[in-house]
PDB file of N, CA and C in Angstrom:
ATOM      1  N   MET A   1     148.541  92.734  86.067  1.00  0.00           N
ATOM      2  CA  MET A   1     149.874  93.127  85.707  1.00  0.00           C
ATOM      3  C   MET A   1     149.648  93.019  84.137  1.00  0.00           C
ATOM      4  N   SER A   2     150.176  93.773  83.680  1.00  0.00           N
ATOM      5  CA  SER A   2     150.036  93.876  82.185  1.00  0.00           C
ATOM      6  C   SER A   2     151.276  93.352  81.465  1.00  0.00           C
ATOM      7  N   THR A   3     151.392  92.950  80.360  1.00  0.00           N
ATOM      8  CA  THR A   3     152.547  92.479  80.100  1.00  0.00           C
ATOM      9  C   THR A   3     153.099  93.276  79.553  1.00  0.00           C
ATOM     10  N   ASP A   4     152.974  94.303  78.925  1.00  0.00           N
ATOM     11  CA  ASP A   4     154.174  95.446  78.661  1.00  0.00           C
ATOM     12  C   ASP A   4     154.657  96.318  79.646  1.00  0.00           C
ATOM     13  N   ALA A   5     153.815  96.576  81.088  1.00  0.00           N
ATOM     14  CA  ALA A   5     154.608  97.072  82.153  1.00  0.00           C
ATOM     15  C   ALA A   5     155.527  96.159  82.700  1.00  0.00           C
ATOM     16  N   ALA A   6     155.420  94.927  82.543  1.00  0.00           N
ATOM     17  CA  ALA A   6     156.351  93.882  83.157  1.00  0.00           C
ATOM     18  C   ALA A   6     157.427  93.901  82.400  1.00  0.00           C
ATOM     19  N   VAL A   7     156.940  93.985  80.712  1.00  0.00           N
ATOM     20  CA  VAL A   7     158.436  94.069  80.138  1.00  0.00           C
ATOM     21  C   VAL A   7     159.481  94.969  80.760  1.00  0.00           C
ATOM     22  N   THR A   8     159.203  95.714  81.047  1.00  0.00           N
ATOM     23  CA  THR A   8     160.476  96.741  81.469  1.00  0.00           C
ATOM     24  C   THR A   8     160.202  97.102  82.595  1.00  0.00           C
ATOM     25  N   ALA A   9     159.809  96.409  83.845  1.00  0.00           N
ATOM     26  CA  ALA A   9     160.139  97.236  85.479  1.00  0.00           C
ATOM     27  C   ALA A   9     159.648  95.718  86.261  1.00  0.00           C
ATOM     28  N   ALA A  10     159.632  94.449  85.932  1.00  0.00           N
ATOM     29  CA  ALA A  10     159.291  93.558  86.574  1.00  0.00           C
ATOM     30  C   ALA A  10     160.389  92.765  87.767  1.00  0.00           C
ATOM     31  N   THR A  11     159.591  93.155  88.816  1.00  0.00           N
ATOM     32  CA  THR A  11     159.886  92.794  90.354  1.00  0.00           C
ATOM     33  C   THR A  11     160.002  91.426  90.101  1.00  0.00           C
ATOM     34  N   PRO A  12     161.378  90.725  91.099  1.00  0.00           N
ATOM     35  CA  PRO A  12     160.897  89.245  91.363  1.00  0.00           C
ATOM     36  C   PRO A  12     159.320  88.843  91.881  1.00  0.00           C
ATOM     37  N   HIS A  13     158.862  89.589  92.912  1.00  0.00           N
ATOM     38  CA  HIS A  13     157.371  89.304  92.720  1.00  0.00           C
ATOM     39  C   HIS A  13     156.493  89.095  91.756  1.00  0.00           C
ATOM     40  N   GLU A  14     156.482  90.482  91.130  1.00  0.00           N
ATOM     41  CA  GLU A  14     155.717  90.114  89.775  1.00  0.00           C
ATOM     42  C   GLU A  14     156.043  88.698  88.922  1.00  0.00           C
ATOM     43  N   LEU A  15     157.264  88.320  88.716  1.00  0.00           N
ATOM     44  CA  LEU A  15     158.043  87.431  87.914  1.00  0.00           C
ATOM     45  C   LEU A  15     157.237  86.074  88.618  1.00  0.00           C
ATOM     46  N   GLU A  16     157.493  85.479  89.928  1.00  0.00           N
ATOM     47  CA  GLU A  16     156.280  84.496  91.024  1.00  0.00           C
ATOM     48  C   GLU A  16     154.938  84.631  90.246  1.00  0.00           C
ATOM     49  N   GLN A  17     154.558  85.887  90.109  1.00  0.00           N
ATOM     50  CA  GLN A  17     153.130  86.268  89.337  1.00  0.00           C
ATOM     51  C   GLN A  17     152.755  85.470  88.209  1.00  0.00           C
ATOM     52  N   ALA A  18     153.810  86.159  87.373  1.00  0.00           N
ATOM     53  CA  ALA A  18     153.155  85.440  85.797  1.00  0.00           C
ATOM     54  C   ALA A  18     153.474  83.900  86.033  1.00  0.00           C
ATOM     55  N   LEU A  19     154.360  83.807  86.589  1.00  0.00           N
ATOM     56  CA  LEU A  19     155.048  82.372  86.922  1.00  0.00           C
ATOM     57  C   LEU A  19     153.481  81.623  86.923  1.00  0.00           C
ATOM     58  N   ALA A  20     153.136  81.962  88.108  1.00  0.00           N
ATOM     59  CA  ALA A  20     151.508  81.318  88.684  1.00  0.00           C
ATOM     60  C   ALA A  20     150.313  81.528  87.662  1.00  0.00           C
ATOM     61  N   ALA A  21     150.420  82.675  86.952  1.00  0.00           N
ATOM     62  CA  ALA A  21     149.728  83.000  86.272  1.00  0.00           C
ATOM     63  C   ALA A  21     149.674  81.590  84.792  1.00  0.00           C
ATOM     64  N   TYR A  22     150.899  81.566  84.002  1.00  0.00           N
ATOM     65  CA  TYR A  22     151.629  80.959  83.278  1.00  0.00           C
ATOM     66  C   TYR A  22     151.190  79.252  83.733  1.00  0.00           C
ATOM     67  N   GLU A  23     151.122  79.037  84.724  1.00  0.00           N
ATOM     68  CA  GLU A  23     150.636  77.800  85.677  1.00  0.00           C
ATOM     69  C   GLU A  23     149.364  77.390  85.788  1.00  0.00           C
ATOM     70  N   HIS A  24     148.203  78.275  86.017  1.00  0.00           N
ATOM     71  CA  HIS A  24     147.108  78.357  85.936  1.00  0.00           C
ATOM     72  C   HIS A  24     146.489  78.347  84.557  1.00  0.00           C
ATOM     73  N   ASP A  25     147.381  78.893  83.567  1.00  0.00           N
ATOM     74  CA  ASP A  25     146.665  78.729  82.164  1.00  0.00           C
ATOM     75  C   ASP A  25     145.669  79.800  81.887  1.00  0.00           C
ATOM     76  N   ARG A  26     146.732  81.205  82.589  1.00  0.00           N
ATOM     77  CA  ARG A  26     146.425  82.556  82.561  1.00  0.00           C
ATOM     78  C   ARG A  26     146.815  83.257  81.811  1.00  0.00           C
ATOM     79  N   MET A  27     148.464  82.970  81.393  1.00  0.00           N
ATOM     80  CA  MET A  27     149.340  83.247  80.360  1.00  0.00           C
ATOM     81  C   MET A  27     149.730  82.755  79.492  1.00  0.00           C
ATOM     82  N   SER A  28     149.829  83.150  78.054  1.00  0.00           N
ATOM     83  CA  SER A  28     150.240  82.504  77.403  1.00  0.00           C
ATOM     84  C   SER A  28     151.703  82.436  77.510  1.00  0.00           C
ATOM     85  N   GLY A  29     152.532  80.967  77.206  1.00  0.00           N
ATOM     86  CA  GLY A  29     153.918  80.910  77.116  1.00  0.00           C
ATOM     87  C   GLY A  29     154.436  81.805  76.501  1.00  0.00           C
ATOM     88  N   GLY A  30     154.106  82.664  75.160  1.00  0.00           N
ATOM     89  CA  GLY A  30     154.961  83.658  74.572  1.00  0.00           C
ATOM     90  C   GLY A  30     154.666  85.035  75.365  1.00  0.00           C
ATOM     91  N   ALA A  31     153.893  85.320  76.343  1.00  0.00           N
ATOM     92  CA  ALA A  31     153.432  86.399  77.274  1.00  0.00           C
ATOM     93  C   ALA A  31     154.614  86.275  78.336  1.00  0.00           C
ATOM     94  N   LEU A  32     154.829  85.040  79.084  1.00  0.00           N
ATOM     95  CA  LEU A  32     155.870  84.812  79.985  1.00  0.00           C
ATOM     96  C   LEU A  32     157.563  84.831  79.362  1.00  0.00           C
ATOM     97  N   CYS A  33     157.300  84.584  78.195  1.00  0.00           N
ATOM     98  CA  CYS A  33     158.748  84.980  77.328  1.00  0.00           C
ATOM     99  C   CYS A  33     159.143  86.342  77.712  1.00  0.00           C
ATOM    100  N   LEU A  34     158.107  87.217  77.222  1.00  0.00           N
ATOM    101  CA  LEU A  34     158.259  88.710  77.052  1.00  0.00           C
ATOM    102  C   LEU A  34     158.674  89.416  78.270  1.00  0.00           C
ATOM    103  N   VAL A  35     158.225  88.698  79.609  1.00  0.00           N
ATOM    104  CA  VAL A  35     157.962  89.219  80.921  1.00  0.00           C
ATOM    105  C   VAL A  35     159.489  88.614  81.531  1.00  0.00           C
ATOM    106  N   PHE A  36     159.509  87.864  81.100  1.00  0.00           N
ATOM    107  CA  PHE A  36     160.859  87.036  81.483  1.00  0.00           C
ATOM    108  C   PHE A  36     162.406  88.065  80.642  1.00  0.00           C
ATOM    109  N   ARG A  37     162.319  87.702  79.859  1.00  0.00           N
ATOM    110  CA  ARG A  37     163.299  88.650  79.101  1.00  0.00           C
ATOM    111  C   ARG A  37     163.753  89.750  79.218  1.00  0.00           C
ATOM    112  N   GLY A  38     162.024  90.719  79.341  1.00  0.00           N
ATOM    113  CA  GLY A  38     162.294  92.170  79.415  1.00  0.00           C
ATOM    114  C   GLY A  38     162.829  92.422  80.985  1.00  0.00           C
ATOM    115  N   ALA A  39     162.338  91.365  82.034  1.00  0.00           N
ATOM    116  CA  ALA A  39     162.833  91.759  83.218  1.00  0.00           C
ATOM    117  C   ALA A  39     164.361  91.271  83.307  1.00  0.00           C
ATOM    118  N   ALA A  40     164.787  90.433  82.455  1.00  0.00           N
ATOM    119  CA  ALA A  40     166.466  90.085  82.649  1.00  0.00           C
ATOM    120  C   ALA A  40     167.219  91.152  81.685  1.00  0.00           C
ATOM    121  N   SER A  41     166.714  91.680  80.775  1.00  0.00           N
ATOM    122  CA  SER A  41     167.152  92.659  79.772  1.00  0.00           C
ATOM    123  C   SER A  41     167.340  93.758  80.707  1.00  0.00           C
ATOM    124  N   THR A  42     166.493  94.105  81.607  1.00  0.00           N
ATOM    125  CA  THR A  42     166.532  95.345  82.904  1.00  0.00           C
ATOM    126  C   THR A  42     167.433  95.204  84.423  1.00  0.00           C
ATOM    127  N   TRP A  43     167.475  93.827  84.622  1.00  0.00           N
ATOM    128  CA  TRP A  43     167.892  93.949  85.906  1.00  0.00           C
ATOM    129  C   TRP A  43     169.151  94.193  86.271  1.00  0.00           C
ATOM    130  N   PRO A  44     169.626  95.178  86.923  1.00  0.00           N
ATOM    131  CA  PRO A  44     171.042  95.541  87.140  1.00  0.00           C
ATOM    132  C   PRO A  44     171.602  94.648  87.999  1.00  0.00           C
ATOM    133  N   GLY A  45     172.974  94.535  87.182  1.00  0.00           N
ATOM    134  CA  GLY A  45     174.208  93.369  88.067  1.00  0.00           C
ATOM    135  C   GLY A  45     173.770  91.708  87.498  1.00  0.00           C
ATOM    136  N   LEU A  46     172.915  91.878  86.981  1.00  0.00           N
ATOM    137  CA  LEU A  46     172.610  90.496  86.912  1.00  0.00           C
ATOM    138  C   LEU A  46     173.885  90.057  85.612  1.00  0.00           C
ATOM    139  N   PRO A  47     174.902  89.198  86.440  1.00  0.00           N
ATOM    140  CA  PRO A  47     175.553  88.277  85.577  1.00  0.00           C
ATOM    141  C   PRO A  47     175.243  87.528  84.195  1.00  0.00           C
ATOM    142  N   ALA A  48     176.050  87.832  83.237  1.00  0.00           N
ATOM    143  CA  ALA A  48     175.701  88.113  81.175  1.00  0.00           C
ATOM    144  C   ALA A  48     175.367  86.241  81.295  1.00  0.00           C
ATOM    145  N   ARG A  49     176.087  85.193  82.398  1.00  0.00           N
ATOM    146  CA  ARG A  49     175.404  83.931  81.878  1.00  0.00           C
ATOM    147  C   ARG A  49     174.452  83.519  81.932  1.00  0.00           C
ATOM    148  N   PHE A  50     173.621  84.665  82.701  1.00  0.00           N
ATOM    149  CA  PHE A  50     172.394  83.931  83.257  1.00  0.00           C
ATOM    150  C   PHE A  50     171.389  84.431  81.928  1.00  0.00           C
ATOM    151  N   ALA A  51     171.836  85.017  80.861  1.00  0.00           N
ATOM    152  CA  ALA A  51     170.945  85.070  79.622  1.00  0.00           C
ATOM    153  C   ALA A  51     170.709  84.061  78.848  1.00  0.00           C
ATOM    154  N   PRO A  52     172.148  83.186  78.861  1.00  0.00           N
ATOM    155  CA  PRO A  52     171.560  82.084  78.110  1.00  0.00           C
ATOM    156  C   PRO A  52     171.121  80.231  78.631  1.00  0.00           C
ATOM    157  N   VAL A  53     171.170  80.955  79.779  1.00  0.00           N
ATOM    158  CA  VAL A  53     170.403  79.545  80.684  1.00  0.00           C
ATOM    159  C   VAL A  53     168.841  80.035  80.194  1.00  0.00           C
ATOM    160  N   LEU A  54     168.263  81.484  80.660  1.00  0.00           N
ATOM    161  CA  LEU A  54     167.175  81.907  80.895  1.00  0.00           C
ATOM    162  C   LEU A  54     166.819  81.597  78.953  1.00  0.00           C
ATOM    163  N   GLU A  55     167.199  82.000  77.944  1.00  0.00           N
ATOM    164  CA  GLU A  55     167.154  81.302  76.724  1.00  0.00           C
ATOM    165  C   GLU A  55     166.667  80.114  76.584  1.00  0.00           C
ATOM    166  N   SER A  56     168.105  79.157  77.278  1.00  0.00           N
ATOM    167  CA  SER A  56     167.366  77.467  77.095  1.00  0.00           C
ATOM    168  C   SER A  56     166.223  77.305  77.765  1.00  0.00           C
ATOM    169  N   LEU A  57     165.624  78.007  78.725  1.00  0.00           N
ATOM    170  CA  LEU A  57     164.484  77.510  79.723  1.00  0.00           C
ATOM    171  C   LEU A  57     163.210  78.343  78.694  1.00  0.00           C
ATOM    172  N   LEU A  58     163.195  79.135  77.785  1.00  0.00           N
ATOM    173  CA  LEU A  58     162.252  79.904  77.139  1.00  0.00           C
ATOM    174  C   LEU A  58     162.136  79.068  75.873  1.00  0.00           C
ATOM    175  N   GLN A  59     162.961  78.580  75.192  1.00  0.00           N
ATOM    176  CA  GLN A  59     162.559  78.116  74.234  1.00  0.00           C
ATOM    177  C   GLN A  59     161.783  77.209  73.779  1.00  0.00           C
ATOM    178  N   PRO A  60     161.211  76.188  74.795  1.00  0.00           N
ATOM    179  CA  PRO A  60     160.118  74.863  74.576  1.00  0.00           C
ATOM    180  C   PRO A  60     158.824  76.550  75.112  1.00  0.00           C
ATOM    181  N   LEU A  61     159.099  77.064  75.666  1.00  0.00           N
ATOM    182  CA  LEU A  61     157.804  77.810  75.736  1.00  0.00           C
ATOM    183  C   LEU A  61     157.036  78.368  74.353  1.00  0.00           C
ATOM    184  N   GLU A  62     158.039  78.787  73.792  1.00  0.00           N
ATOM    185  CA  GLU A  62     157.980  79.282  72.270  1.00  0.00           C
ATOM    186  C   GLU A  62     157.836  78.370  71.288  1.00  0.00           C
ATOM    187  N   SER A  63     158.388  77.533  71.344  1.00  0.00           N
ATOM    188  CA  SER A  63     158.428  76.236  70.640  1.00  0.00           C
ATOM    189  C   SER A  63     156.876  75.847  70.951  1.00  0.00           C
ATOM    190  N   SER A  64     156.199  75.722  71.861  1.00  0.00           N
ATOM    191  CA  SER A  64     154.949  75.227  72.185  1.00  0.00           C
ATOM    192  C   SER A  64     153.646  76.392  71.790  1.00  0.00           C
ATOM    193  N   ALA A  65     153.811  77.112  71.171  1.00  0.00           N
ATOM    194  CA  ALA A  65     152.740  78.108  70.635  1.00  0.00           C
ATOM    195  C   ALA A  65     152.756  77.336  69.388  1.00  0.00           C
ATOM    196  N   LEU A  66     153.531  76.317  68.706  1.00  0.00           N
ATOM    197  CA  LEU A  66     153.576  75.692  67.102  1.00  0.00           C
ATOM    198  C   LEU A  66     152.567  75.009  67.505  1.00  0.00           C
ATOM    199  N   PHE A  67     152.673  74.120  68.593  1.00  0.00           N
ATOM    200  CA  PHE A  67     151.527  73.128  68.582  1.00  0.00           C
ATOM    201  C   PHE A  67     150.747  73.041  69.832  1.00  0.00           C
ATOM    202  N   SER A  68     149.948  72.002  69.927  1.00  0.00           N
ATOM    203  CA  SER A  68     149.014  71.890  70.969  1.00  0.00           C
ATOM    204  C   SER A  68     149.991  71.531  72.523  1.00  0.00           C
ATOM    205  N   GLU A  69     149.436  72.013  73.674  1.00  0.00           N
ATOM    206  CA  GLU A  69     150.346  71.685  74.573  1.00  0.00           C
ATOM    207  C   GLU A  69     150.147  70.065  74.713  1.00  0.00           C
ATOM    208  N   GLU A  70     149.089  69.280  74.286  1.00  0.00           N
ATOM    209  CA  GLU A  70     149.239  67.976  74.374  1.00  0.00           C
ATOM    210  C   GLU A  70     150.021  67.164  73.449  1.00  0.00           C
ATOM    211  N   SER A  71     150.533  67.468  72.061  1.00  0.00           N
ATOM    212  CA  SER A  71     151.816  67.094  72.019  1.00  0.00           C
ATOM    213  C   SER A  71     153.251  67.771  72.249  1.00  0.00           C
ATOM    214  N   CYS A  72     153.255  68.617  73.130  1.00  0.00           N
ATOM    215  CA  CYS A  72     154.462  68.809  73.667  1.00  0.00           C
ATOM    216  C   CYS A  72     155.182  68.085  74.679  1.00  0.00           C
ATOM    217  N   ALA A  73     156.127  67.619  74.583  1.00  0.00           N
ATOM    218  CA  ALA A  73     157.147  67.100  75.355  1.00  0.00           C
ATOM    219  C   ALA A  73     157.609  67.530  76.756  1.00  0.00           C
ATOM    220  N   PHE A  74     156.696  68.479  77.283  1.00  0.00           N
ATOM    221  CA  PHE A  74     156.820  69.205  78.741  1.00  0.00           C
ATOM    222  C   PHE A  74     155.798  69.524  78.905  1.00  0.00           C
ATOM    223  N   SER A  75     156.325  70.035  80.401  1.00  0.00           N
ATOM    224  CA  SER A  75     154.589  70.105  80.907  1.00  0.00           C
ATOM    225  C   SER A  75     154.825  71.929  81.710  1.00  0.00           C
ATOM    226  N   ARG A  76     153.837  72.396  81.834  1.00  0.00           N
ATOM    227  CA  ARG A  76     153.612  73.422  82.184  1.00  0.00           C
ATOM    228  C   ARG A  76     154.313  73.839  84.052  1.00  0.00           C
ATOM    229  N   HIS A  77     154.194  72.951  84.288  1.00  0.00           N
ATOM    230  CA  HIS A  77     154.673  73.049  86.049  1.00  0.00           C
ATOM    231  C   HIS A  77     156.219  72.736  85.710  1.00  0.00           C
ATOM    232  N   ASP A  78     156.570  71.532  84.748  1.00  0.00           N
ATOM    233  CA  ASP A  78     157.967  71.672  85.083  1.00  0.00           C
ATOM    234  C   ASP A  78     158.762  72.585  84.532  1.00  0.00           C
ATOM    235  N   LEU A  79     157.996  73.373  83.417  1.00  0.00           N
ATOM    236  CA  LEU A  79     158.885  74.605  82.596  1.00  0.00           C
ATOM    237  C   LEU A  79     159.013  75.579  83.919  1.00  0.00           C
ATOM    238  N   ALA A  80     157.760  75.934  84.341  1.00  0.00           N
ATOM    239  CA  ALA A  80     157.845  76.576  85.854  1.00  0.00           C
ATOM    240  C   ALA A  80     158.941  76.415  86.894  1.00  0.00           C
ATOM    241  N   ALA A  81     159.105  75.529  87.247  1.00  0.00           N
ATOM    242  CA  ALA A  81     159.245  75.147  88.175  1.00  0.00           C
ATOM    243  C   ALA A  81     161.356  75.493  87.768  1.00  0.00           C
ATOM    244  N   SER A  82     161.235  75.051  86.653  1.00  0.00           N
ATOM    245  CA  SER A  82     162.682  75.734  85.850  1.00  0.00           C
ATOM    246  C   SER A  82     162.962  76.943  86.016  1.00  0.00           C
ATOM    247  N   LEU A  83     161.820  77.787  85.647  1.00  0.00           N
ATOM    248  CA  LEU A  83     161.790  79.154  85.844  1.00  0.00           C
ATOM    249  C   LEU A  83     161.822  79.636  86.912  1.00  0.00           C
ATOM    250  N   ARG A  84     161.412  79.279  88.017  1.00  0.00           N
ATOM    251  CA  ARG A  84     161.412  79.423  89.323  1.00  0.00           C
ATOM    252  C   ARG A  84     162.595  79.409  90.062  1.00  0.00           C
ATOM    253  N   GLN A  85     163.586  78.508  89.438  1.00  0.00           N
ATOM    254  CA  GLN A  85     164.839  77.831  89.906  1.00  0.00           C
ATOM    255  C   GLN A  85     166.227  79.359  89.907  1.00  0.00           C
ATOM    256  N   TRP A  86     165.608  79.645  88.308  1.00  0.00           N
ATOM    257  CA  TRP A  86     166.183  80.873  87.415  1.00  0.00           C
ATOM    258  C   TRP A  86     166.131  81.858  88.086  1.00  0.00           C
ATOM    259  N   LEU A  87     165.136  82.090  88.505  1.00  0.00           N
ATOM    260  CA  LEU A  87     164.452  83.359  89.428  1.00  0.00           C
ATOM    261  C   LEU A  87     165.484  83.691  90.659  1.00  0.00           C
ATOM    262  N   GLN A  88     165.244  82.319  90.992  1.00  0.00           N
ATOM    263  CA  GLN A  88     165.976  82.611  93.132  1.00  0.00           C
ATOM    264  C   GLN A  88     167.401  82.701  92.836  1.00  0.00           C
ATOM    265  N   ALA A  89     167.935  82.235  91.385  1.00  0.00           N
ATOM    266  CA  ALA A  89     169.396  82.135  91.706  1.00  0.00           C
ATOM    267  C   ALA A  89     169.618  83.249  91.161  1.00  0.00           C
ATOM    268  N   ALA A  90     168.818  83.901  90.329  1.00  0.00           N
ATOM    269  CA  ALA A  90     169.003  85.420  89.765  1.00  0.00           C
ATOM    270  C   ALA A  90     169.158  86.377  91.066  1.00  0.00           C
ATOM    271  N   VAL A  91     168.172  86.115  91.926  1.00  0.00           N
ATOM    272  CA  VAL A  91     167.715  86.931  93.162  1.00  0.00           C
ATOM    273  C   VAL A  91     168.735  87.129  94.010  1.00  0.00           C
ATOM    274  N   GLN A  92     169.669  85.938  94.283  1.00  0.00           N
ATOM    275  CA  GLN A  92     170.667  85.891  95.099  1.00  0.00           C
ATOM    276  C   GLN A  92     171.936  86.273  94.527  1.00  0.00           C
ATOM    277  N   ARG A  93     171.982  86.520  93.337  1.00  0.00           N
ATOM    278  CA  ARG A  93     173.440  86.897  92.152  1.00  0.00           C
ATOM    279  C   ARG A  93     173.129  88.396  92.161  1.00  0.00           C
ATOM    280  N   ALA A  94     172.345  89.136  91.857  1.00  0.00           N
ATOM    281  CA  ALA A  94     171.922  90.172  91.983  1.00  0.00           C
ATOM    282  C   ALA A  94     170.812  90.676  92.370  1.00  0.00           C
ATOM    283  N   PRO A  95     170.581  90.737  93.726  1.00  0.00           N
ATOM    284  CA  PRO A  95     169.153  91.380  94.279  1.00  0.00           C
ATOM    285  C   PRO A  95     168.396  92.796  93.841  1.00  0.00           C
ATOM    286  N   LEU A  96     167.371  93.026  93.417  1.00  0.00           N
ATOM    287  CA  LEU A  96     166.745  94.235  92.703  1.00  0.00           C
ATOM    288  C   LEU A  96     166.597  95.231  94.247  1.00  0.00           C
ATOM    289  N   ASN A  97     166.597  95.854  94.208  1.00  0.00           N
ATOM    290  CA  ASN A  97     166.112  97.418  95.236  1.00  0.00           C
ATOM    291  C   ASN A  97     165.272  98.257  94.814  1.00  0.00           C
ATOM    292  N   THR A  98     164.166  97.571  94.805  1.00  0.00           N
ATOM    293  CA  THR A  98     163.305  98.682  93.967  1.00  0.00           C
ATOM    294  C   THR A  98     161.730  98.776  95.067  1.00  0.00           C
ATOM    295  N   PRO A  99     160.778  99.165  94.763  1.00  0.00           N
ATOM    296  CA  PRO A  99     160.154  99.696  95.915  1.00  0.00           C
ATOM    297  C   PRO A  99     159.657  98.239  96.632  1.00  0.00           C
ATOM    298  N   ASN A 100     159.034  97.428  95.556  1.00  0.00           N
ATOM    299  CA  ASN A 100     158.680  96.165  95.693  1.00  0.00           C
ATOM    300  C   ASN A 100     159.264  94.963  96.509  1.00  0.00           C
ATOM    301  N   THR A 101     160.687  95.469  96.195  1.00  0.00           N
ATOM    302  CA  THR A 101     161.679  94.235  96.794  1.00  0.00           C
ATOM    303  C   THR A 101     163.053  95.109  97.519  1.00  0.00           C
ATOM    304  N   THR A 102     163.019  96.322  98.037  1.00  0.00           N
ATOM    305  CA  THR A 102     163.872  96.618  99.050  1.00  0.00           C
ATOM    306  C   THR A 102     164.083  96.261 100.018  1.00  0.00           C
ATOM    307  N   LYS A 103     165.101  95.298 100.834  1.00  0.00           N
ATOM    308  CA  LYS A 103     165.640  94.775 101.306  1.00  0.00           C
ATOM    309  C   LYS A 103     167.298  95.138 101.892  1.00  0.00           C
ATOM    310  N   THR A 104     167.347  95.624 103.134  1.00  0.00           N
ATOM    311  CA  THR A 104     168.085  95.835 103.873  1.00  0.00           C
ATOM    312  C   THR A 104     169.635  94.183 103.330  1.00  0.00           C
ATOM    313  N   ALA A 105     170.606  94.340 103.414  1.00  0.00           N
ATOM    314  CA  ALA A 105     171.164  93.553 103.532  1.00  0.00           C
ATOM    315  C   ALA A 105     171.029  92.538 104.690  1.00  0.00           C
ATOM    316  N   GLY A 106     170.743  93.316 105.795  1.00  0.00           N
ATOM    317  CA  GLY A 106     170.648  92.939 107.186  1.00  0.00           C
ATOM    318  C   GLY A 106     169.212  92.125 107.315  1.00  0.00           C
ATOM    319  N   ALA A 107     168.318  92.763 106.785  1.00  0.00           N
ATOM    320  CA  ALA A 107     166.944  91.843 106.823  1.00  0.00           C
ATOM    321  C   ALA A 107     166.847  90.614 105.635  1.00  0.00           C
ATOM    322  N   MET A 108     167.855  90.919 104.915  1.00  0.00           N
ATOM    323  CA  MET A 108     167.935  89.458 104.315  1.00  0.00           C
ATOM    324  C   MET A 108     168.617  88.179 104.747  1.00  0.00           C
ATOM    325  N   ASN A 109     169.438  88.840 105.237  1.00  0.00           N
ATOM    326  CA  ASN A 109     170.238  87.630 106.222  1.00  0.00           C
ATOM    327  C   ASN A 109     169.449  87.328 107.530  1.00  0.00           C
ATOM    328  N   ALA A 110     168.633  88.764 108.366  1.00  0.00           N
ATOM    329  CA  ALA A 110     168.242  88.263 109.490  1.00  0.00           C
ATOM    330  C   ALA A 110     167.545  86.824 109.272  1.00  0.00           C
ATOM    331  N   ALA A 111     167.223  86.284 110.982  1.00  0.00           N
ATOM    332  CA  ALA A 111     166.022  85.361 111.000  1.00  0.00           C
ATOM    333  C   ALA A 111     164.990  86.274 111.288  1.00  0.00           C
ATOM    334  N   PRO A 112     163.862  85.475 110.610  1.00  0.00           N
ATOM    335  CA  PRO A 112     162.307  85.426 110.541  1.00  0.00           C
ATOM    336  C   PRO A 112     161.966  86.314 112.113  1.00  0.00           C
ATOM    337  N   GLY A 113     161.176  87.194 112.192  1.00  0.00           N
ATOM    338  CA  GLY A 113     160.920  88.632 113.059  1.00  0.00           C
ATOM    339  C   GLY A 113     162.206  88.875 114.070  1.00  0.00           C
ATOM    340  N   ALA A 114     163.055  88.952 113.523  1.00  0.00           N
ATOM    341  CA  ALA A 114     164.507  89.414 114.120  1.00  0.00           C
ATOM    342  C   ALA A 114     164.476  91.013 113.775  1.00  0.00           C
ATOM    343  N   ALA A 115     164.897  91.555 114.842  1.00  0.00           N
ATOM    344  CA  ALA A 115     164.840  92.937 114.647  1.00  0.00           C
ATOM    345  C   ALA A 115     166.152  93.276 113.795  1.00  0.00           C
ATOM    346  N   VAL A 116     165.579  94.347 112.349  1.00  0.00           N
ATOM    347  CA  VAL A 116     167.001  94.803 111.940  1.00  0.00           C
ATOM    348  C   VAL A 116     167.097  96.307 112.077  1.00  0.00           C
ATOM    349  N   PRO A 117     168.701  96.193 112.157  1.00  0.00           N
ATOM    350  CA  PRO A 117     168.916  97.472 112.469  1.00  0.00           C
ATOM    351  C   PRO A 117     168.504  98.661 111.697  1.00  0.00           C
ATOM    352  N   GLN A 118     167.768  99.788 111.743  1.00  0.00           N
ATOM    353  CA  GLN A 118     167.638 100.863 110.537  1.00  0.00           C
ATOM    354  C   GLN A 118     168.941 101.905 110.749  1.00  0.00           C
ATOM    355  N   GLU A 119     168.812 102.353 109.428  1.00  0.00           N
ATOM    356  CA  GLU A 119     169.670 103.113 108.899  1.00  0.00           C
ATOM    357  C   GLU A 119     169.257 104.518 109.330  1.00  0.00           C
ATOM    358  N   ASP A 120     170.531 105.639 109.950  1.00  0.00           N
ATOM    359  CA  ASP A 120     169.918 106.697 110.970  1.00  0.00           C
ATOM    360  C   ASP A 120     169.512 107.577 109.517  1.00  0.00           C
ATOM    361  N   THR A 121     168.600 108.234 109.562  1.00  0.00           N
ATOM    362  CA  THR A 121     168.605 109.103 108.308  1.00  0.00           C
ATOM    363  C   THR A 121     168.363 110.536 108.927  1.00  0.00           C
ATOM    364  N   THR A 122     168.528 110.799 110.498  1.00  0.00           N
ATOM    365  CA  THR A 122     167.669 112.320 111.197  1.00  0.00           C
ATOM    366  C   THR A 122     169.334 113.082 110.331  1.00  0.00           C
ATOM    367  N   ARG A 123     170.784 112.649 109.958  1.00  0.00           N
ATOM    368  CA  ARG A 123     171.920 113.685 109.895  1.00  0.00           C
ATOM    369  C   ARG A 123     171.591 114.441 108.711  1.00  0.00           C
TER     370      ARG A 123
END
């Protein structure tokens, strides 16, 4: 996933992938900040109160660019876990209906493996 593309159209799945890349040192904190900020700024229906919470989570990532990771008072894993919590809450409050994440309300609430009624599109 390129950072430029992610800034404008990151899905929750792509945000998860970015978090995994960050945790495994395949993405910088700065790039992760860009991905999350871009996704939040284009996320339809995301409540405004999510922005300051996200910023408070991203600040340590940006600060880490000024210091070596060993001198920082946080871990990549802990930051990624906090961002995952934010992401889960965001998806619950404002589900995205993009090609990679489209699910009907019935599919999201159905038991795993349960049949989900489909909309009649033959009319």
